[in-house]
N, C-alpha and C. Protein backbone atom coordinates (compact mmCIF):
# COMPACT_ATOMS: atom_id res chain seq x y z
N MET A 1 96.72 65.12 148.20
CA MET A 1 96.03 63.79 148.36
C MET A 1 97.05 63.12 149.35
N LEU A 2 96.55 62.24 150.20
CA LEU A 2 97.36 61.45 150.89
C LEU A 2 97.54 60.08 150.27
N GLY A 3 98.84 59.62 150.15
CA GLY A 3 98.97 58.34 149.48
C GLY A 3 98.62 57.13 150.20
N PRO A 4 98.36 55.99 149.46
CA PRO A 4 97.89 54.83 150.06
C PRO A 4 99.34 54.06 150.75
N ARG A 5 98.99 53.08 151.61
CA ARG A 5 100.19 52.42 152.11
C ARG A 5 100.90 51.62 150.93
N LEU A 6 102.23 51.69 150.81
CA LEU A 6 103.04 50.84 149.80
C LEU A 6 104.10 50.03 150.76
N GLU A 7 103.91 48.91 150.86
CA GLU A 7 104.97 48.03 151.49
C GLU A 7 106.28 47.88 150.62
N GLY A 8 107.38 48.04 151.24
CA GLY A 8 108.58 48.00 150.47
C GLY A 8 109.46 46.84 150.96
N ARG A 9 110.71 47.15 150.71
CA ARG A 9 111.82 46.11 151.20
C ARG A 9 112.56 46.55 152.45
N ASN A 10 113.14 45.51 153.06
CA ASN A 10 114.26 46.09 154.27
C ASN A 10 113.66 46.99 155.16
N GLY A 11 112.30 46.76 155.42
CA GLY A 11 111.72 47.62 156.67
C GLY A 11 111.23 49.00 156.24
N VAL A 12 111.21 49.28 154.91
CA VAL A 12 110.86 50.57 154.38
C VAL A 12 109.44 50.33 153.98
N ALA A 13 108.50 51.45 154.10
CA ALA A 13 107.28 51.47 153.73
C ALA A 13 106.87 52.97 153.52
N LEU A 14 105.79 53.24 152.51
CA LEU A 14 105.27 54.54 152.33
C LEU A 14 104.01 54.57 152.95
N VAL A 15 103.61 55.42 153.93
CA VAL A 15 102.29 55.24 154.57
C VAL A 15 101.49 56.55 154.41
N PRO A 16 100.35 56.44 154.57
CA PRO A 16 99.50 57.66 154.57
C PRO A 16 99.90 58.72 155.80
N PRO A 17 100.20 59.85 155.35
CA PRO A 17 100.67 60.92 156.41
C PRO A 17 99.45 61.23 157.43
N THR A 18 99.95 61.47 158.73
CA THR A 18 98.89 61.72 159.68
C THR A 18 99.38 63.29 160.11
N LEU A 19 98.47 63.92 160.91
CA LEU A 19 98.58 65.16 161.46
C LEU A 19 100.03 64.98 162.32
N GLU A 20 99.87 64.05 163.22
CA GLU A 20 100.99 63.65 163.95
C GLU A 20 102.44 63.72 163.15
N HIS A 21 102.47 63.16 162.03
CA HIS A 21 103.61 63.04 161.18
C HIS A 21 104.02 64.37 160.79
N PHE A 22 102.98 65.26 160.42
CA PHE A 22 103.37 66.56 159.94
C PHE A 22 103.96 67.36 161.06
N ARG A 23 103.58 67.12 162.21
CA ARG A 23 103.96 67.76 163.32
C ARG A 23 105.47 67.64 163.64
N LEU A 24 106.01 66.40 162.99
CA LEU A 24 107.47 66.03 163.27
C LEU A 24 108.47 66.79 162.23
N HIS A 25 107.74 67.19 161.22
CA HIS A 25 108.65 67.78 159.99
C HIS A 25 109.40 69.13 160.64
N PRO A 26 108.84 69.96 161.54
CA PRO A 26 109.61 71.25 161.79
C PRO A 26 111.06 70.76 162.68
N ALA A 27 110.80 69.78 163.59
CA ALA A 27 112.15 69.17 164.25
C ALA A 27 113.07 68.64 163.15
N TRP A 28 112.65 67.94 162.25
CA TRP A 28 113.68 67.36 161.30
C TRP A 28 114.26 68.51 160.38
N GLU A 29 113.36 69.40 159.91
CA GLU A 29 114.00 70.38 159.12
C GLU A 29 114.95 71.46 159.80
N VAL A 30 114.98 71.55 161.08
CA VAL A 30 115.93 72.38 161.57
C VAL A 30 117.27 71.73 161.73
N GLN A 31 117.34 70.47 161.69
CA GLN A 31 118.56 69.76 161.91
C GLN A 31 119.63 70.10 160.80
N PRO A 32 120.71 70.63 160.89
CA PRO A 32 121.66 71.05 159.97
C PRO A 32 122.30 69.70 159.11
N GLU A 33 122.39 68.66 159.86
CA GLU A 33 122.64 67.42 159.17
C GLU A 33 121.66 67.03 158.09
N ALA A 34 120.44 67.09 158.34
CA ALA A 34 119.25 66.80 157.59
C ALA A 34 118.84 67.75 156.45
N SER A 35 118.94 69.02 156.61
CA SER A 35 118.53 70.11 155.95
C SER A 35 119.59 70.89 154.97
N ARG A 36 120.78 70.24 155.14
CA ARG A 36 121.94 70.84 154.44
C ARG A 36 121.57 71.22 153.03
N PHE A 37 121.10 70.33 152.38
CA PHE A 37 120.89 70.46 150.92
C PHE A 37 119.50 70.88 150.56
N MET A 38 118.68 71.41 151.51
CA MET A 38 117.24 71.72 151.17
C MET A 38 117.10 72.98 150.45
N GLY A 39 117.96 73.86 150.48
CA GLY A 39 118.01 75.34 149.88
C GLY A 39 117.26 76.12 151.01
N PRO A 40 117.21 77.46 150.51
CA PRO A 40 116.48 78.37 151.53
C PRO A 40 115.17 77.72 152.02
N ARG A 41 114.91 77.98 153.40
CA ARG A 41 113.57 77.46 154.10
C ARG A 41 113.04 78.67 154.83
N PHE A 42 111.86 78.98 154.48
CA PHE A 42 111.24 80.33 154.95
C PHE A 42 109.98 79.90 155.54
N GLY A 43 109.33 80.51 156.42
CA GLY A 43 108.01 80.25 157.02
C GLY A 43 108.12 79.93 158.40
N GLU A 44 106.81 80.01 158.89
CA GLU A 44 106.54 79.50 160.35
C GLU A 44 106.48 78.23 160.67
N LEU A 45 107.35 77.51 161.45
CA LEU A 45 107.17 76.05 161.80
C LEU A 45 106.41 75.78 162.97
N THR A 46 105.25 76.21 163.19
CA THR A 46 104.36 76.19 164.28
C THR A 46 103.31 74.90 164.14
N PRO A 47 102.90 74.46 165.14
CA PRO A 47 101.73 73.46 165.00
C PRO A 47 100.69 73.89 164.33
N GLU A 48 100.18 75.19 164.33
CA GLU A 48 99.02 75.59 163.45
C GLU A 48 99.56 75.68 162.02
N LYS A 49 100.63 76.03 161.70
CA LYS A 49 101.09 75.99 160.33
C LYS A 49 101.07 74.37 159.85
N GLN A 50 101.49 73.66 160.61
CA GLN A 50 101.60 72.22 160.20
C GLN A 50 100.31 71.63 159.95
N GLU A 51 99.21 72.15 160.74
CA GLU A 51 97.95 71.44 160.65
C GLU A 51 97.21 72.06 159.38
N LYS A 52 97.63 73.38 159.05
CA LYS A 52 97.02 73.81 157.87
C LYS A 52 97.72 73.23 156.79
N ARG A 53 99.05 72.89 156.65
CA ARG A 53 99.71 72.22 155.55
C ARG A 53 99.13 70.89 155.50
N PHE A 54 98.84 70.15 156.41
CA PHE A 54 98.10 68.88 156.54
C PHE A 54 96.93 68.69 155.85
N LYS A 55 96.10 69.78 156.05
CA LYS A 55 94.68 69.87 155.58
C LYS A 55 94.73 70.18 153.89
N GLU A 56 95.75 71.04 153.66
CA GLU A 56 95.86 71.43 152.29
C GLU A 56 96.42 70.32 151.46
N THR A 57 97.28 69.37 152.10
CA THR A 57 97.90 68.29 151.33
C THR A 57 96.62 67.34 151.20
N ALA A 58 95.92 66.97 152.27
CA ALA A 58 94.95 66.16 152.21
C ALA A 58 93.82 66.41 151.04
N ASP A 59 93.61 67.75 150.85
CA ASP A 59 92.59 68.16 149.98
C ASP A 59 93.00 68.58 148.65
N GLY A 60 94.45 68.46 148.47
CA GLY A 60 95.01 68.86 147.15
C GLY A 60 94.67 67.87 146.01
N GLN A 61 94.60 68.31 144.76
CA GLN A 61 94.25 67.44 143.87
C GLN A 61 95.44 67.36 142.75
N THR A 62 96.46 68.00 142.93
CA THR A 62 97.64 68.15 142.18
C THR A 62 98.86 67.60 142.87
N GLN A 63 98.74 66.91 144.00
CA GLN A 63 99.81 66.47 144.69
C GLN A 63 99.47 65.16 145.48
N ILE A 64 100.49 64.23 145.77
CA ILE A 64 100.29 63.17 146.49
C ILE A 64 101.60 62.84 147.44
N GLN A 65 101.20 62.78 148.68
CA GLN A 65 102.31 62.78 149.59
C GLN A 65 102.29 61.54 150.58
N TRP A 66 103.54 61.22 150.98
CA TRP A 66 103.45 59.99 151.91
C TRP A 66 104.54 60.30 153.00
N THR A 67 104.42 59.68 154.15
CA THR A 67 105.21 59.46 155.14
C THR A 67 106.21 58.35 154.84
N ILE A 68 107.46 58.46 155.05
CA ILE A 68 108.45 57.42 154.88
C ILE A 68 108.55 56.72 156.27
N ALA A 69 108.28 55.39 156.43
CA ALA A 69 108.36 54.69 157.64
C ALA A 69 109.60 53.78 157.37
N TYR A 70 110.21 53.66 158.66
CA TYR A 70 111.31 52.67 158.68
C TYR A 70 111.22 51.69 159.92
N GLU A 71 111.14 50.49 159.68
CA GLU A 71 110.76 49.51 160.88
C GLU A 71 109.71 50.00 161.75
N GLY A 72 108.57 50.67 161.03
CA GLY A 72 107.36 51.01 161.68
C GLY A 72 107.48 52.48 162.21
N GLU A 73 108.56 53.09 162.20
CA GLU A 73 108.73 54.54 162.78
C GLU A 73 108.67 55.52 161.55
N PRO A 74 108.04 56.60 161.66
CA PRO A 74 108.10 57.73 160.63
C PRO A 74 109.59 58.45 160.64
N VAL A 75 109.99 58.60 159.52
CA VAL A 75 111.60 58.96 159.43
C VAL A 75 111.87 60.17 158.37
N GLY A 76 110.66 60.41 157.59
CA GLY A 76 110.88 61.41 156.55
C GLY A 76 109.47 61.31 155.73
N PHE A 77 109.54 62.21 154.59
CA PHE A 77 108.44 62.24 153.51
C PHE A 77 108.83 62.32 152.30
N THR A 78 107.94 61.94 151.51
CA THR A 78 108.17 61.98 149.99
C THR A 78 106.82 62.23 149.22
N GLY A 79 106.98 62.66 148.11
CA GLY A 79 105.87 62.86 147.35
C GLY A 79 105.81 63.30 146.02
N ILE A 80 104.79 63.45 145.23
CA ILE A 80 104.52 63.89 143.64
C ILE A 80 103.87 65.11 143.79
N PHE A 81 104.45 66.30 143.33
CA PHE A 81 103.93 67.49 143.54
C PHE A 81 103.63 68.19 142.10
N HIS A 82 102.76 69.25 142.09
CA HIS A 82 102.45 69.94 140.96
C HIS A 82 102.31 69.19 139.70
N ILE A 83 101.34 68.11 139.86
CA ILE A 83 100.79 67.18 138.92
C ILE A 83 100.09 67.91 137.93
N ASP A 84 100.56 67.71 136.67
CA ASP A 84 99.85 68.17 135.39
C ASP A 84 99.16 66.98 134.94
N TRP A 85 97.92 66.82 135.02
CA TRP A 85 97.11 65.75 134.76
C TRP A 85 96.94 65.45 133.23
N VAL A 86 96.99 66.70 132.58
CA VAL A 86 96.97 66.62 131.06
C VAL A 86 98.22 66.14 130.48
N ARG A 87 99.36 66.54 130.84
CA ARG A 87 100.66 66.28 130.21
C ARG A 87 101.22 65.15 130.98
N ARG A 88 100.46 64.64 132.06
CA ARG A 88 100.78 63.44 132.89
C ARG A 88 102.43 63.48 133.37
N ASP A 89 102.63 64.57 134.02
CA ASP A 89 103.89 65.11 134.51
C ASP A 89 103.91 65.38 135.89
N GLY A 90 104.72 65.29 136.68
CA GLY A 90 104.86 65.60 138.08
C GLY A 90 106.34 65.86 138.72
N GLU A 91 106.39 66.80 139.46
CA GLU A 91 107.61 67.13 140.19
C GLU A 91 107.73 66.14 141.45
N THR A 92 108.91 65.34 141.66
CA THR A 92 109.12 64.56 142.89
C THR A 92 110.02 65.19 144.06
N GLY A 93 109.90 64.81 145.12
CA GLY A 93 110.84 65.21 146.32
C GLY A 93 110.69 64.18 147.46
N LEU A 94 111.76 64.43 148.26
CA LEU A 94 112.09 63.41 149.29
C LEU A 94 112.94 64.05 150.41
N PHE A 95 112.49 63.74 151.67
CA PHE A 95 113.30 64.24 152.79
C PHE A 95 113.42 63.14 153.86
N ILE A 96 114.58 63.01 154.27
CA ILE A 96 114.81 62.04 155.33
C ILE A 96 115.26 62.75 156.58
N GLY A 97 114.46 62.94 157.59
CA GLY A 97 114.68 63.72 158.62
C GLY A 97 115.40 63.10 159.71
N ARG A 98 115.73 61.67 159.62
CA ARG A 98 116.70 60.91 160.66
C ARG A 98 118.14 60.81 160.10
N HIS A 99 118.96 61.79 160.32
CA HIS A 99 120.35 61.63 159.54
C HIS A 99 121.10 60.30 160.27
N ASP A 100 120.79 60.05 161.41
CA ASP A 100 121.49 58.83 162.00
C ASP A 100 121.04 57.53 161.02
N LEU A 101 120.15 57.51 160.13
CA LEU A 101 119.75 56.38 159.45
C LEU A 101 120.23 56.49 158.04
N TYR A 102 121.01 57.53 157.63
CA TYR A 102 121.48 57.57 156.27
C TYR A 102 122.49 56.42 155.93
N GLY A 103 122.53 56.05 154.65
CA GLY A 103 123.21 54.88 154.37
C GLY A 103 122.70 53.60 154.51
N ARG A 104 121.28 53.55 154.81
CA ARG A 104 120.69 52.27 154.89
C ARG A 104 119.73 51.81 153.73
N GLY A 105 119.75 52.61 152.70
CA GLY A 105 118.94 52.39 151.52
C GLY A 105 117.58 52.77 151.72
N ILE A 106 117.12 53.57 152.61
CA ILE A 106 115.80 53.99 153.00
C ILE A 106 115.45 54.94 151.72
N ALA A 107 116.14 55.91 151.39
CA ALA A 107 115.74 56.86 150.37
C ALA A 107 115.74 56.14 148.96
N SER A 108 116.44 55.25 148.64
CA SER A 108 116.43 54.45 147.31
C SER A 108 114.90 53.77 147.30
N GLU A 109 114.65 52.96 148.33
CA GLU A 109 113.49 52.29 148.46
C GLU A 109 112.30 53.05 148.37
N ALA A 110 112.39 54.18 149.09
CA ALA A 110 111.20 55.17 149.11
C ALA A 110 111.00 55.68 147.46
N VAL A 111 112.12 56.05 146.95
CA VAL A 111 111.91 56.49 145.51
C VAL A 111 111.48 55.40 144.61
N ARG A 112 111.89 54.11 144.86
CA ARG A 112 111.47 53.01 144.06
C ARG A 112 109.93 52.72 144.07
N LEU A 113 109.37 52.92 145.39
CA LEU A 113 107.84 52.70 145.70
C LEU A 113 107.11 53.89 144.98
N ARG A 114 107.69 55.02 145.21
CA ARG A 114 106.96 56.26 144.71
C ARG A 114 106.97 56.11 143.19
N THR A 115 108.07 55.95 142.47
CA THR A 115 108.04 55.92 141.13
C THR A 115 107.29 54.75 140.45
N SER A 116 107.27 53.70 140.95
CA SER A 116 106.43 52.65 140.51
C SER A 116 104.81 53.07 140.71
N PHE A 117 104.72 53.72 141.78
CA PHE A 117 103.16 54.24 142.02
C PHE A 117 102.94 55.14 140.91
N ALA A 118 103.88 56.07 140.48
CA ALA A 118 103.63 56.98 139.37
C ALA A 118 103.25 56.46 138.29
N TRP A 119 103.87 55.36 137.69
CA TRP A 119 103.53 54.68 136.54
C TRP A 119 102.23 53.65 136.64
N ARG A 120 102.27 52.77 137.77
CA ARG A 120 101.23 51.97 137.79
C ARG A 120 99.85 52.46 138.12
N GLU A 121 99.80 53.47 139.04
CA GLU A 121 98.47 53.92 139.55
C GLU A 121 98.20 55.23 138.95
N LEU A 122 99.04 56.11 138.94
CA LEU A 122 98.76 57.43 138.52
C LEU A 122 98.86 57.55 136.86
N ARG A 123 99.59 56.64 136.18
CA ARG A 123 99.69 56.54 134.88
C ARG A 123 100.43 57.81 134.14
N LEU A 124 101.32 58.43 135.06
CA LEU A 124 102.05 59.50 134.69
C LEU A 124 102.95 59.14 133.44
N ARG A 125 103.28 59.99 132.60
CA ARG A 125 104.26 59.87 131.49
C ARG A 125 105.72 60.24 132.10
N ARG A 126 105.83 61.25 132.84
CA ARG A 126 107.19 61.67 133.42
C ARG A 126 107.26 62.10 134.58
N VAL A 127 108.19 61.78 135.50
CA VAL A 127 108.53 62.55 136.68
C VAL A 127 109.78 63.25 136.71
N HIS A 128 109.95 64.33 137.45
CA HIS A 128 111.24 65.18 137.33
C HIS A 128 111.49 65.60 138.70
N ASN A 129 112.80 66.07 138.98
CA ASN A 129 113.00 66.68 140.32
C ASN A 129 114.18 67.40 140.18
N TRP A 130 114.56 68.27 141.35
CA TRP A 130 115.82 69.11 141.48
C TRP A 130 116.51 68.60 142.77
N VAL A 131 117.66 68.25 142.55
CA VAL A 131 118.65 67.83 143.64
C VAL A 131 119.81 68.57 143.71
N ALA A 132 120.42 69.04 144.81
CA ALA A 132 121.75 69.62 144.80
C ALA A 132 122.79 68.63 144.29
N LEU A 133 123.56 69.05 143.38
CA LEU A 133 124.58 68.37 142.78
C LEU A 133 125.47 67.46 143.81
N ALA A 134 125.74 68.33 144.82
CA ALA A 134 126.48 67.74 145.91
C ALA A 134 126.01 66.70 146.77
N ASN A 135 124.70 66.48 146.67
CA ASN A 135 123.99 65.53 147.42
C ASN A 135 123.87 64.36 146.74
N ARG A 136 125.10 63.62 146.71
CA ARG A 136 125.51 62.28 146.00
C ARG A 136 124.45 61.13 146.43
N GLY A 137 124.06 61.12 147.62
CA GLY A 137 123.19 60.13 148.10
C GLY A 137 121.68 60.20 147.50
N SER A 138 121.33 61.39 147.38
CA SER A 138 120.07 61.73 146.96
C SER A 138 119.85 61.41 145.36
N ARG A 139 120.90 61.80 144.78
CA ARG A 139 121.02 61.63 143.38
C ARG A 139 121.07 60.17 143.10
N ARG A 140 121.93 59.35 143.77
CA ARG A 140 121.96 58.01 143.42
C ARG A 140 120.55 57.26 143.68
N ALA A 141 119.90 57.70 144.64
CA ALA A 141 118.70 57.08 145.03
C ALA A 141 117.71 57.34 143.71
N ASN A 142 117.86 58.52 143.14
CA ASN A 142 117.03 58.59 141.99
C ASN A 142 117.47 57.79 140.72
N GLU A 143 118.86 57.92 140.56
CA GLU A 143 119.33 57.21 139.41
C GLU A 143 119.02 55.85 139.47
N LYS A 144 119.18 55.09 140.72
CA LYS A 144 118.78 53.62 140.54
C LYS A 144 117.35 53.28 140.04
N VAL A 145 116.60 54.15 140.00
CA VAL A 145 115.20 53.80 139.54
C VAL A 145 114.74 54.42 138.18
N GLY A 146 116.03 55.00 137.47
CA GLY A 146 115.53 55.47 136.16
C GLY A 146 115.83 56.85 135.99
N TYR A 147 116.00 57.67 136.99
CA TYR A 147 116.16 59.17 136.77
C TYR A 147 117.43 59.52 136.05
N ARG A 148 117.38 60.19 135.16
CA ARG A 148 118.67 60.60 134.29
C ARG A 148 118.90 62.21 134.18
N ARG A 149 119.89 62.66 134.34
CA ARG A 149 120.17 64.12 134.07
C ARG A 149 119.70 64.69 133.07
N MET A 150 119.02 65.88 133.02
CA MET A 150 118.45 66.45 131.92
C MET A 150 119.21 67.87 131.86
N GLY A 151 119.83 68.21 132.85
CA GLY A 151 120.48 69.61 132.93
C GLY A 151 121.21 69.76 134.19
N LEU A 152 121.83 70.95 134.28
CA LEU A 152 122.56 71.36 135.53
C LEU A 152 122.26 72.91 135.59
N LEU A 153 121.73 73.41 136.82
CA LEU A 153 121.40 74.70 137.10
C LEU A 153 122.59 75.20 137.97
N PRO A 154 123.71 75.96 137.44
CA PRO A 154 124.77 76.42 138.32
C PRO A 154 124.55 77.36 139.38
N ARG A 155 125.09 77.18 140.47
CA ARG A 155 125.00 78.18 141.65
C ARG A 155 123.51 78.67 141.83
N SER A 156 122.65 77.61 141.99
CA SER A 156 121.24 77.94 142.16
C SER A 156 120.89 78.61 143.46
N TYR A 157 121.41 78.19 144.53
CA TYR A 157 121.06 78.77 145.84
C TYR A 157 122.20 78.75 146.76
N PHE A 158 122.16 79.73 147.64
CA PHE A 158 123.24 79.84 148.67
C PHE A 158 122.64 79.45 150.02
N ARG A 159 123.65 78.42 150.51
CA ARG A 159 123.23 77.87 151.83
C ARG A 159 124.52 77.27 152.77
N SER A 160 124.47 77.52 153.85
CA SER A 160 125.56 77.11 154.77
C SER A 160 126.89 77.59 154.32
N GLY A 161 127.00 78.92 153.63
CA GLY A 161 128.12 79.53 153.57
C GLY A 161 128.71 79.18 152.10
N GLU A 162 127.92 78.50 151.23
CA GLU A 162 128.41 78.21 149.84
C GLU A 162 127.27 78.09 148.80
N TRP A 163 127.70 78.41 147.55
CA TRP A 163 126.64 77.95 146.41
C TRP A 163 126.67 76.72 146.12
N TYR A 164 125.37 76.30 145.75
CA TYR A 164 125.11 74.91 145.40
C TYR A 164 124.55 74.65 143.79
N ASP A 165 125.05 73.93 142.92
CA ASP A 165 124.44 73.55 141.80
C ASP A 165 123.36 72.75 142.05
N GLU A 166 122.38 72.72 141.09
CA GLU A 166 121.25 71.63 141.12
C GLU A 166 121.40 70.86 140.00
N TRP A 167 121.18 69.54 140.15
CA TRP A 167 121.15 68.49 139.28
C TRP A 167 119.54 68.21 138.85
N LEU A 168 119.43 68.58 137.74
CA LEU A 168 117.89 68.32 137.30
C LEU A 168 117.69 66.86 136.63
N GLY A 169 116.75 66.15 137.19
CA GLY A 169 116.59 64.83 136.73
C GLY A 169 115.31 64.58 136.25
N GLU A 170 115.08 63.42 135.52
CA GLU A 170 113.72 63.01 135.00
C GLU A 170 113.85 61.70 134.77
N ALA A 171 112.52 60.85 134.79
CA ALA A 171 112.58 59.68 134.48
C ALA A 171 111.13 59.41 133.75
N PHE A 172 111.15 58.38 132.82
CA PHE A 172 109.98 57.97 132.00
C PHE A 172 109.75 56.43 132.51
N ALA A 173 108.51 55.93 132.27
CA ALA A 173 108.09 54.72 132.55
C ALA A 173 109.11 53.56 131.87
N ASN A 174 109.55 53.90 130.72
CA ASN A 174 110.41 52.78 129.92
C ASN A 174 111.92 52.83 130.46
N THR A 175 112.19 53.83 131.50
CA THR A 175 113.46 53.84 131.96
C THR A 175 113.55 53.16 133.36
N PHE A 176 112.39 52.79 133.90
CA PHE A 176 112.21 52.33 135.27
C PHE A 176 112.74 50.84 135.26
N PRO A 177 113.64 50.53 136.19
CA PRO A 177 114.45 49.09 135.94
C PRO A 177 113.54 47.83 136.46
N THR A 178 112.46 47.71 135.90
CA THR A 178 111.50 46.52 136.26
C THR A 178 111.09 46.17 134.77
N ASP A 179 111.67 45.19 134.24
CA ASP A 179 111.17 44.69 132.96
C ASP A 179 109.90 44.29 132.82
N ASP A 180 109.05 43.55 133.76
CA ASP A 180 107.75 43.32 133.68
C ASP A 180 106.90 44.69 133.76
N LEU A 181 107.29 45.70 134.32
CA LEU A 181 106.60 46.89 134.33
C LEU A 181 106.26 47.58 133.11
N THR A 182 107.31 47.54 132.27
CA THR A 182 107.24 48.07 130.93
C THR A 182 106.37 47.41 130.12
N ALA A 183 106.36 46.03 130.23
CA ALA A 183 105.68 45.18 129.59
C ALA A 183 104.11 45.26 129.75
N ARG A 184 103.90 45.91 131.05
CA ARG A 184 102.43 45.92 131.21
C ARG A 184 101.88 47.33 131.01
N LEU A 185 102.58 48.33 130.76
CA LEU A 185 102.11 49.64 130.46
C LEU A 185 102.36 49.95 129.09
N ASP A 186 101.37 50.76 128.49
CA ASP A 186 101.35 51.39 127.11
C ASP A 186 102.20 52.63 127.10
N VAL A 187 103.51 52.44 127.12
CA VAL A 187 104.32 53.48 126.96
C VAL A 187 105.10 53.47 125.85
N PRO A 188 105.70 54.56 125.17
CA PRO A 188 106.56 54.53 124.06
C PRO A 188 108.04 54.21 124.40
N GLN A 189 108.47 53.52 123.46
CA GLN A 189 109.92 52.91 123.68
C GLN A 189 110.74 54.19 123.25
N ARG A 190 112.07 54.28 123.72
CA ARG A 190 113.20 55.21 123.57
C ARG A 190 113.28 55.24 122.01
N GLY A 191 113.32 56.63 121.35
CA GLY A 191 113.50 56.83 119.99
C GLY A 191 112.15 56.93 119.31
N SER A 192 110.94 56.70 120.04
CA SER A 192 109.68 56.82 119.37
C SER A 192 108.85 57.99 119.84
N GLY A 193 108.25 58.51 118.94
CA GLY A 193 107.40 59.76 119.58
C GLY A 193 108.16 60.90 120.18
N ASP A 194 107.59 61.71 120.94
CA ASP A 194 108.16 62.92 121.48
C ASP A 194 109.10 62.59 122.64
N GLU A 195 108.89 61.32 123.12
CA GLU A 195 109.70 61.22 124.58
C GLU A 195 111.17 61.29 124.23
N SER A 196 111.61 60.85 123.29
CA SER A 196 113.06 60.84 122.95
C SER A 196 113.67 62.35 123.00
N GLN A 197 113.00 63.13 122.84
CA GLN A 197 113.38 64.59 122.89
C GLN A 197 113.51 64.95 124.27
N HIS A 198 113.18 64.40 125.29
CA HIS A 198 113.11 64.82 126.74
C HIS A 198 113.95 63.84 127.65
N ALA A 199 114.33 62.81 127.07
CA ALA A 199 115.02 61.56 127.73
C ALA A 199 116.49 62.34 128.24
N GLY A 200 116.60 61.76 129.47
CA GLY A 200 117.95 62.30 129.95
C GLY A 200 119.16 61.77 129.60
N GLU A 201 120.19 62.19 130.02
CA GLU A 201 121.59 61.63 129.46
C GLU A 201 121.90 60.28 130.08
């Protein structure tokens, strides 16, 4: 599915992806500065493959994806993938393809918008992700909106001449740092039900 437009702060918005946006992905993903922590990347980065991925994303029923826009320009993408509608759980991811824009809070705002949508609109119970431990900026973007470490996968993948550990994070609606959000959602509080078994550190 293609996500709806979500207006954010400081010039950041999540917008429905277009085929033109998908055709920007290969150029972003081959930049060493942007793809340093992405892990092994295989496959054809051709216009035909991007068109196929766009159609599969639009038709998919277990994922929702956005283009990250900054001051009106596409700069990356984010989404919720492998959604289990029964368990109300989904895996999240984010990629900023413009490394010259790092440090402006774009990732943090994109994660905030995405996570709020997961609770408010999709009614998910939990979201989780995998982030290279060395990728401090990405980890902090997730931690700011309530993701907590649930584990560490040592030497998970080899890239750019070294092994990387992966930080495993998860978030629940009651960890999202917006007081009025939790009040409007029917979610268990920490320590009640089975959620306490899965809460991060």
